[in-house]
Amino acid sequence: MRRPGRLNSAAPMVGILESAAALFRTPEGSPVGPAIRRLRASIAILAGIVGLGVIGYTLIAGFNGFDALYQTILTVTTIGFAEIEPLDDDARAFTIVLAVLGVGAVVYLLTTVATLVLEGELKRDVEAWRMDRRIAELTHHYIICGAGRVGTAVAHAMADRQELFVLIDNDPTAIEALDGDWLSVQGDASSNDVLARAGVGAARGVVVATRSDAENTFITLSVKAFNPSLYVVARANEPESEPKLKQAGADRVVAPTRIAGRRMAVSVIHPAVAEFTETVLGGNETGEVLAQVDIQFDCALDGNSIGEIFGPRSDIQVLGVRHGDSRVDIAPTPSVRLHAGDAVIVLGSSAAIDEISALASTRR
């Protein structure tokens, strides 16, 4: 199975090059951080003053381009070498103005760099740039909107299953509190720009799990408007919000309090059933996991029966089939045939499920 994206430590030279690159280019749709903006501004001011000096010495003192650049650098940096050629009063007056402006620009640049390094702002901006670049390379991943208790629990479950995912939250404190290996985007999940940064166009599904039902509804509308084919699971905190979320386009609505109540009831009435369910869903003790295999059109499994596909195998069991017309078969017989659009619920090892999933997604 796929491993979640990680922000691995790069070699020092690679880190320096990436930090420099972040000053001049960012992934499409990625915002430029305030630290990078200030550093860009200070560099631009200094470059503008150097350009002004070259033009001034060329026009006023009659220097050639290289001599004008040399004299400008000497003046701006206050090195104090002798003048290339004697300057008249006009050239000296220009030199005074250039020295004041140049020294101010150099001091501003050095102060900006020192402040950013000491406060760690540049490092945070560069790390955010690296994060966006990693996310831009993702495909077939999941997006989790909301980094609260529910969203973080979803992220832990996906990390346990080694699935690729991106977390979105508008609260910088929530983003900073996340596991350092998790990919994340800070921003409003209902914004098209933020969704684009999270790779919604190439994602497999979206979990909408903020604390506000109104916000969940708006995010669901935004996701469906951006990519109508995405499977969206939305959280409903209040019962009356469930039909609204379904109207907004959510494919499935989950009410955590209701599910928790049912689970607690089952745990006290049928504790063995609850323990079995927890074991199957987690897969940590037995090494087997519960998964869904989607049958794609004209794949190697399309049109074959369950017995033909799974009969010879002892490392995977079929628990049910949800057919394309929404019919559900619990413990289907071996004669049941699978067709494109069917989803097979299986229990087995990760390797076996990966093998079957590859056959179900590969065309003949």
Protein backbone atom coordinates (compact mmCIF):
# COMPACT_ATOMS: atom_id res chain seq x y z
CA MET A 1 0.00 0.00 0.00
CA ARG A 2 1.07 3.60 -0.52
CA ARG A 3 3.00 5.41 2.14
CA PRO A 4 1.91 8.85 3.30
CA GLY A 5 3.91 11.77 1.98
CA ARG A 6 6.66 12.91 4.32
CA LEU A 7 8.73 16.05 4.57
CA ASN A 8 12.12 14.41 4.71
CA SER A 9 15.22 16.37 5.74
CA ALA A 10 17.16 17.37 2.63
CA ALA A 11 20.90 17.71 2.29
CA PRO A 12 22.22 21.15 3.28
CA MET A 13 23.00 22.22 -0.30
CA VAL A 14 19.56 21.12 -1.51
CA GLY A 15 17.98 23.08 1.33
CA ILE A 16 19.94 26.23 0.40
CA LEU A 17 18.95 25.93 -3.26
CA GLU A 18 15.29 25.36 -2.37
CA SER A 19 15.34 28.35 -0.02
CA ALA A 20 16.74 30.53 -2.80
CA ALA A 21 14.19 29.16 -5.27
CA ALA A 22 11.37 29.99 -2.89
CA LEU A 23 12.30 33.67 -3.16
CA PHE A 24 11.60 33.79 -6.88
CA ARG A 25 8.98 31.16 -7.66
CA THR A 26 6.20 29.31 -5.87
CA PRO A 27 3.83 26.55 -7.01
CA GLU A 28 0.79 27.71 -8.93
CA GLY A 29 -1.85 29.02 -6.57
CA SER A 30 0.49 29.01 -3.59
CA PRO A 31 0.53 32.26 -1.58
CA VAL A 32 3.83 33.99 -0.89
CA GLY A 33 4.56 34.22 2.83
CA PRO A 34 5.21 37.59 4.52
CA ALA A 35 8.86 36.73 5.17
CA ILE A 36 9.53 36.01 1.51
CA ARG A 37 7.62 39.15 0.50
CA ARG A 38 9.78 41.35 2.78
CA LEU A 39 12.98 39.74 1.57
CA ARG A 40 11.94 40.14 -2.05
CA ALA A 41 11.11 43.81 -1.41
CA SER A 42 14.48 44.53 0.23
CA ILE A 43 16.37 42.84 -2.61
CA ALA A 44 14.32 44.72 -5.19
CA ILE A 45 15.04 48.07 -3.48
CA LEU A 46 18.77 47.42 -3.42
CA ALA A 47 18.77 46.25 -7.04
CA GLY A 48 16.84 49.37 -8.04
CA ILE A 49 19.36 51.66 -6.33
CA VAL A 50 22.26 49.85 -8.02
CA GLY A 51 20.51 50.28 -11.37
CA LEU A 52 19.97 53.97 -10.61
CA GLY A 53 23.65 54.35 -9.81
CA VAL A 54 24.76 52.71 -13.07
CA ILE A 55 22.46 54.95 -15.09
CA GLY A 56 23.50 58.06 -13.16
CA TYR A 57 27.25 57.56 -13.52
CA THR A 58 26.81 56.72 -17.17
CA LEU A 59 24.87 59.91 -17.93
CA ILE A 60 26.46 62.32 -15.45
CA ALA A 61 30.10 61.20 -15.30
CA GLY A 62 30.32 59.58 -18.74
CA PHE A 63 31.49 56.18 -17.39
CA ASN A 64 31.09 53.03 -19.44
CA GLY A 65 28.72 50.37 -18.12
CA PHE A 66 31.27 48.34 -16.16
CA ASP A 67 32.98 51.39 -14.64
CA ALA A 68 29.58 52.77 -13.66
CA LEU A 69 28.65 49.49 -11.95
CA TYR A 70 32.04 49.36 -10.18
CA GLN A 71 31.71 52.93 -8.90
CA THR A 72 28.12 52.24 -7.78
CA ILE A 73 29.12 49.16 -5.77
CA LEU A 74 31.98 51.08 -4.13
CA THR A 75 29.59 53.87 -3.16
CA VAL A 76 26.70 51.71 -1.95
CA THR A 77 28.91 49.41 0.12
CA THR A 78 31.01 52.34 1.46
CA ILE A 79 34.23 50.44 0.77
CA GLY A 80 36.01 53.75 0.19
CA PHE A 81 38.37 52.98 -2.70
CA ALA A 82 39.52 55.90 -4.85
CA GLU A 83 37.27 57.18 -7.60
CA ILE A 84 37.81 55.64 -11.02
CA GLU A 85 38.09 59.11 -12.53
CA PRO A 86 37.86 62.56 -10.91
CA LEU A 87 34.22 63.57 -10.47
CA ASP A 88 32.81 67.03 -11.09
CA ASP A 89 30.39 68.71 -8.72
CA ASP A 90 27.31 67.19 -10.36
CA ALA A 91 28.77 63.67 -10.12
CA ARG A 92 29.78 64.22 -6.50
CA ALA A 93 26.31 65.46 -5.59
CA PHE A 94 24.86 62.36 -7.24
CA THR A 95 27.34 60.22 -5.27
CA ILE A 96 26.16 61.75 -2.00
CA VAL A 97 22.52 60.92 -2.78
CA LEU A 98 23.45 57.44 -3.99
CA ALA A 99 25.51 56.73 -0.85
CA VAL A 100 22.65 57.71 1.47
CA LEU A 101 20.12 55.63 -0.46
CA GLY A 102 22.49 52.69 -0.92
CA VAL A 103 23.57 52.47 2.71
CA GLY A 104 19.92 52.63 3.76
CA ALA A 105 19.02 49.83 1.34
CA VAL A 106 21.92 47.63 2.49
CA VAL A 107 21.06 48.18 6.16
CA TYR A 108 17.39 47.38 5.44
CA LEU A 109 18.35 44.16 3.64
CA LEU A 110 20.71 43.03 6.40
CA THR A 111 18.16 43.89 9.10
CA THR A 112 15.44 42.01 7.23
CA VAL A 113 17.62 38.92 6.83
CA ALA A 114 18.71 39.00 10.49
CA THR A 115 15.13 39.43 11.72
CA LEU A 116 13.77 36.65 9.55
CA VAL A 117 16.53 34.25 10.53
CA LEU A 118 16.29 34.98 14.24
CA GLU A 119 12.49 34.83 14.36
CA GLY A 120 12.30 31.80 12.09
CA GLU A 121 9.82 33.44 9.69
CA LEU A 122 11.85 32.66 6.57
CA LYS A 123 12.19 29.03 7.62
CA ARG A 124 8.42 28.76 8.08
CA ASP A 125 7.76 30.32 4.68
CA VAL A 126 10.26 28.04 2.94
CA GLU A 127 8.80 25.00 4.68
CA ALA A 128 5.33 26.08 3.52
CA TRP A 129 6.67 26.42 -0.01
CA ARG A 130 8.16 22.94 0.15
CA MET A 131 4.85 21.63 1.53
CA ASP A 132 2.91 23.13 -1.38
CA ARG A 133 5.35 21.67 -3.87
CA ARG A 134 4.95 18.20 -2.36
CA ILE A 135 1.17 18.50 -2.39
CA ALA A 136 1.22 19.62 -6.04
CA GLU A 137 2.80 16.26 -6.92
CA LEU A 138 0.07 14.18 -5.24
CA THR A 139 -2.55 12.15 -7.12
CA HIS A 140 -5.36 9.88 -5.86
CA HIS A 141 -5.06 11.25 -2.35
CA TYR A 142 -7.66 12.28 0.22
CA ILE A 143 -8.42 15.73 1.61
CA ILE A 144 -9.53 16.26 5.20
CA CYS A 145 -11.18 19.61 5.90
CA GLY A 146 -10.86 20.45 9.57
CA ALA A 147 -7.99 19.63 11.91
CA GLY A 148 -10.05 19.34 15.08
CA ARG A 149 -10.61 16.19 17.10
CA VAL A 150 -12.67 14.44 14.41
CA GLY A 151 -10.45 15.50 11.51
CA THR A 152 -7.30 14.49 13.38
CA ALA A 153 -8.83 11.10 14.21
CA VAL A 154 -9.59 10.60 10.50
CA ALA A 155 -5.99 11.54 9.68
CA HIS A 156 -4.62 9.02 12.19
CA ALA A 157 -6.82 6.30 10.67
CA MET A 158 -5.60 7.12 7.18
CA ALA A 159 -1.99 7.25 8.32
CA ASP A 160 -2.40 3.80 9.89
CA ARG A 161 -3.61 2.55 6.51
CA GLN A 162 -0.71 4.34 4.78
CA GLU A 163 -3.01 6.46 2.65
CA LEU A 164 -1.99 9.80 1.17
CA PHE A 165 -3.92 12.76 2.57
CA VAL A 166 -3.82 16.53 2.99
CA LEU A 167 -5.32 18.37 5.97
CA ILE A 168 -6.91 21.82 5.58
CA ASP A 169 -7.63 24.15 8.48
CA ASN A 170 -7.96 27.91 8.82
CA ASP A 171 -6.41 27.97 12.30
CA PRO A 172 -2.57 28.25 12.21
CA THR A 173 -2.39 26.85 15.75
CA ALA A 174 -4.21 23.70 14.65
CA ILE A 175 -1.87 23.30 11.68
CA GLU A 176 1.23 23.74 13.86
CA ALA A 177 -0.07 21.10 16.31
CA LEU A 178 -0.31 18.42 13.58
CA ASP A 179 2.12 15.55 13.17
CA GLY A 180 5.20 16.89 11.40
CA ASP A 181 4.94 14.19 8.71
CA TRP A 182 1.42 15.19 7.63
CA LEU A 183 0.87 17.38 4.60
CA SER A 184 -1.35 20.38 5.35
CA VAL A 185 -2.66 23.64 3.96
CA GLN A 186 -3.65 26.60 6.08
CA GLY A 187 -6.70 28.41 4.77
CA ASP A 188 -10.45 28.42 4.28
CA ALA A 189 -11.46 25.01 2.89
CA SER A 190 -14.41 26.58 1.06
CA SER A 191 -12.04 28.72 -1.02
CA ASN A 192 -11.30 27.47 -4.53
CA ASP A 193 -7.69 28.63 -4.23
CA VAL A 194 -7.16 26.64 -1.03
CA LEU A 195 -8.86 23.56 -2.49
CA ALA A 196 -6.64 23.85 -5.57
CA ARG A 197 -3.53 24.04 -3.36
CA ALA A 198 -4.69 20.84 -1.63
CA GLY A 199 -4.96 19.11 -5.01
CA VAL A 200 -8.73 18.67 -5.11
CA GLY A 201 -8.61 18.16 -8.87
CA ALA A 202 -6.53 14.99 -8.50
CA ALA A 203 -7.98 13.73 -5.19
CA ARG A 204 -9.93 10.50 -4.61
CA GLY A 205 -12.24 11.78 -1.89
CA VAL A 206 -12.86 14.51 0.67
CA VAL A 207 -13.76 14.35 4.36
CA VAL A 208 -15.49 17.49 5.63
CA ALA A 209 -15.15 17.50 9.42
CA THR A 210 -15.14 21.03 10.82
CA ARG A 211 -16.98 21.95 14.03
CA SER A 212 -19.62 24.02 12.21
CA ASP A 213 -22.45 22.42 10.23
CA ALA A 214 -22.90 25.62 8.23
CA GLU A 215 -19.22 25.60 7.32
CA ASN A 216 -19.39 21.91 6.43
CA THR A 217 -22.33 22.60 4.12
CA PHE A 218 -20.53 25.46 2.36
CA ILE A 219 -17.32 23.43 1.99
CA THR A 220 -19.30 20.52 0.52
CA LEU A 221 -20.90 22.87 -2.03
CA SER A 222 -17.48 24.28 -2.94
CA VAL A 223 -15.89 20.84 -3.34
CA LYS A 224 -18.72 19.54 -5.51
CA ALA A 225 -18.64 22.68 -7.65
CA PHE A 226 -14.89 22.26 -8.13
CA ASN A 227 -14.94 18.50 -8.78
CA PRO A 228 -18.44 16.94 -8.98
CA SER A 229 -17.07 13.38 -9.27
CA LEU A 230 -15.36 13.46 -5.85
CA TYR A 231 -16.80 11.25 -3.10
CA VAL A 232 -17.54 13.53 -0.14
CA VAL A 233 -18.13 12.38 3.42
CA ALA A 234 -19.44 15.18 5.63
CA ARG A 235 -19.78 15.51 9.40
CA ALA A 236 -23.15 16.53 10.88
CA ASN A 237 -23.09 17.80 14.44
CA GLU A 238 -26.87 18.31 14.61
CA PRO A 239 -29.54 15.91 13.25
CA GLU A 240 -31.31 18.68 11.30
CA SER A 241 -28.11 19.33 9.34
CA GLU A 242 -28.03 15.88 7.71
CA PRO A 243 -30.59 16.58 4.94
CA LYS A 244 -28.95 19.95 4.22
CA LEU A 245 -25.55 18.33 3.76
CA LYS A 246 -27.05 15.73 1.43
CA GLN A 247 -28.70 18.49 -0.58
CA ALA A 248 -25.33 20.23 -0.77
CA GLY A 249 -23.94 17.14 -2.49
CA ALA A 250 -22.43 15.03 0.30
CA ASP A 251 -22.36 11.36 -0.74
CA ARG A 252 -22.45 10.26 2.88
CA VAL A 253 -23.26 12.14 6.06
CA VAL A 254 -21.82 10.95 9.38
CA ALA A 255 -23.12 12.05 12.77
CA PRO A 256 -20.34 11.33 15.31
CA THR A 257 -22.63 11.51 18.34
CA ARG A 258 -25.12 9.05 16.85
CA ILE A 259 -22.39 6.64 15.81
CA ALA A 260 -20.73 6.90 19.21
CA GLY A 261 -24.07 6.15 20.89
CA ARG A 262 -24.70 3.08 18.76
CA ARG A 263 -21.18 1.84 19.32
CA MET A 264 -21.43 2.25 23.07
CA ALA A 265 -24.76 0.39 23.07
CA VAL A 266 -23.28 -2.49 21.08
CA SER A 267 -20.23 -2.53 23.35
CA VAL A 268 -22.32 -3.03 26.46
CA ILE A 269 -24.91 -5.39 24.89
CA HIS A 270 -22.59 -7.42 22.63
CA PRO A 271 -19.02 -6.75 23.78
CA ALA A 272 -17.58 -9.54 21.65
CA VAL A 273 -19.14 -8.02 18.52
CA ALA A 274 -17.69 -4.61 19.36
CA GLU A 275 -14.25 -6.11 19.97
CA PHE A 276 -14.43 -8.06 16.71
CA THR A 277 -15.44 -4.95 14.78
CA GLU A 278 -12.62 -2.92 16.30
CA THR A 279 -10.12 -5.63 15.43
CA VAL A 280 -11.34 -5.91 11.85
CA LEU A 281 -11.40 -2.16 11.25
CA GLY A 282 -8.00 -1.60 12.81
CA GLY A 283 -6.19 -4.63 11.43
CA ASN A 284 -3.38 -4.07 13.91
CA GLU A 285 -3.56 -7.40 15.72
CA THR A 286 -4.41 -9.85 12.94
CA GLY A 287 -2.60 -8.14 10.07
CA GLU A 288 -5.85 -8.23 8.07
CA VAL A 289 -7.75 -5.13 7.06
CA LEU A 290 -11.24 -4.38 5.86
CA ALA A 291 -11.22 -2.69 2.46
CA GLN A 292 -13.27 -1.85 -0.62
CA VAL A 293 -12.33 -3.01 -4.12
CA ASP A 294 -13.98 -1.01 -6.92
CA ILE A 295 -14.59 -2.87 -10.18
CA GLN A 296 -13.65 -0.65 -13.12
CA PHE A 297 -15.02 -0.91 -16.66
CA ASP A 298 -13.37 -3.60 -18.81
CA CYS A 299 -10.93 -4.60 -16.08
CA ALA A 300 -9.67 -8.16 -15.62
CA LEU A 301 -12.42 -8.87 -13.05
CA ASP A 302 -15.35 -7.29 -14.93
CA GLY A 303 -17.98 -9.97 -15.67
CA ASN A 304 -16.39 -12.73 -13.60
CA SER A 305 -18.07 -14.42 -10.65
CA ILE A 306 -16.92 -14.19 -7.05
CA GLY A 307 -16.04 -17.88 -7.14
CA GLU A 308 -13.85 -17.45 -10.24
CA ILE A 309 -12.01 -14.49 -8.71
CA PHE A 310 -11.76 -15.30 -5.02
CA GLY A 311 -12.45 -19.05 -4.90
CA PRO A 312 -8.83 -20.17 -5.32
CA ARG A 313 -7.58 -17.65 -2.72
CA SER A 314 -7.33 -18.29 1.00
CA ASP A 315 -5.79 -14.91 1.90
CA ILE A 316 -8.89 -12.81 1.20
CA GLN A 317 -12.59 -13.13 2.02
CA VAL A 318 -15.59 -11.44 0.42
CA LEU A 319 -17.98 -10.04 3.04
CA GLY A 320 -20.38 -8.20 0.76
CA VAL A 321 -21.01 -6.49 -2.56
CA ARG A 322 -22.60 -3.13 -3.23
CA HIS A 323 -23.79 -3.27 -6.82
CA GLY A 324 -23.86 -0.32 -9.15
CA ASP A 325 -27.64 -0.07 -8.77
CA SER A 326 -27.20 0.34 -4.96
CA ARG A 327 -28.29 -3.24 -4.15
CA VAL A 328 -26.25 -4.78 -1.35
CA ASP A 329 -25.42 -8.49 -1.07
CA ILE A 330 -24.31 -9.64 2.38
CA ALA A 331 -22.13 -12.79 2.29
CA PRO A 332 -22.74 -13.26 -1.46
CA THR A 333 -22.61 -16.71 -3.02
CA PRO A 334 -19.75 -17.68 -5.36
CA SER A 335 -22.09 -17.46 -8.36
CA VAL A 336 -22.66 -13.71 -7.99
CA ARG A 337 -21.04 -11.91 -10.92
CA LEU A 338 -19.20 -8.63 -10.58
CA HIS A 339 -19.57 -5.80 -13.06
CA ALA A 340 -18.20 -2.30 -13.55
CA GLY A 341 -19.47 0.01 -10.84
CA ASP A 342 -19.68 -2.72 -8.18
CA ALA A 343 -17.81 -2.33 -4.90
CA VAL A 344 -16.60 -5.49 -3.17
CA ILE A 345 -16.09 -5.43 0.60
CA VAL A 346 -13.21 -7.75 1.44
CA LEU A 347 -11.19 -8.81 4.47
CA GLY A 348 -7.59 -9.87 3.96
CA SER A 349 -3.94 -8.96 4.07
CA SER A 350 -2.76 -5.67 2.65
CA ALA A 351 -0.73 -7.45 -0.03
CA ALA A 352 -3.70 -9.53 -1.17
CA ILE A 353 -5.98 -6.48 -1.28
CA ASP A 354 -3.40 -4.51 -3.27
CA GLU A 355 -3.15 -7.37 -5.76
CA ILE A 356 -6.92 -7.60 -6.25
CA SER A 357 -7.25 -3.81 -6.44
CA ALA A 358 -4.65 -3.70 -9.22
CA LEU A 359 -6.63 -6.29 -11.22
CA ALA A 360 -9.86 -4.35 -10.61
CA SER A 361 -8.38 -1.09 -11.92
CA THR A 362 -6.33 -2.37 -14.87
CA ARG A 363 -8.03 -2.64 -18.22
CA ARG A 364 -7.72 -5.86 -20.20
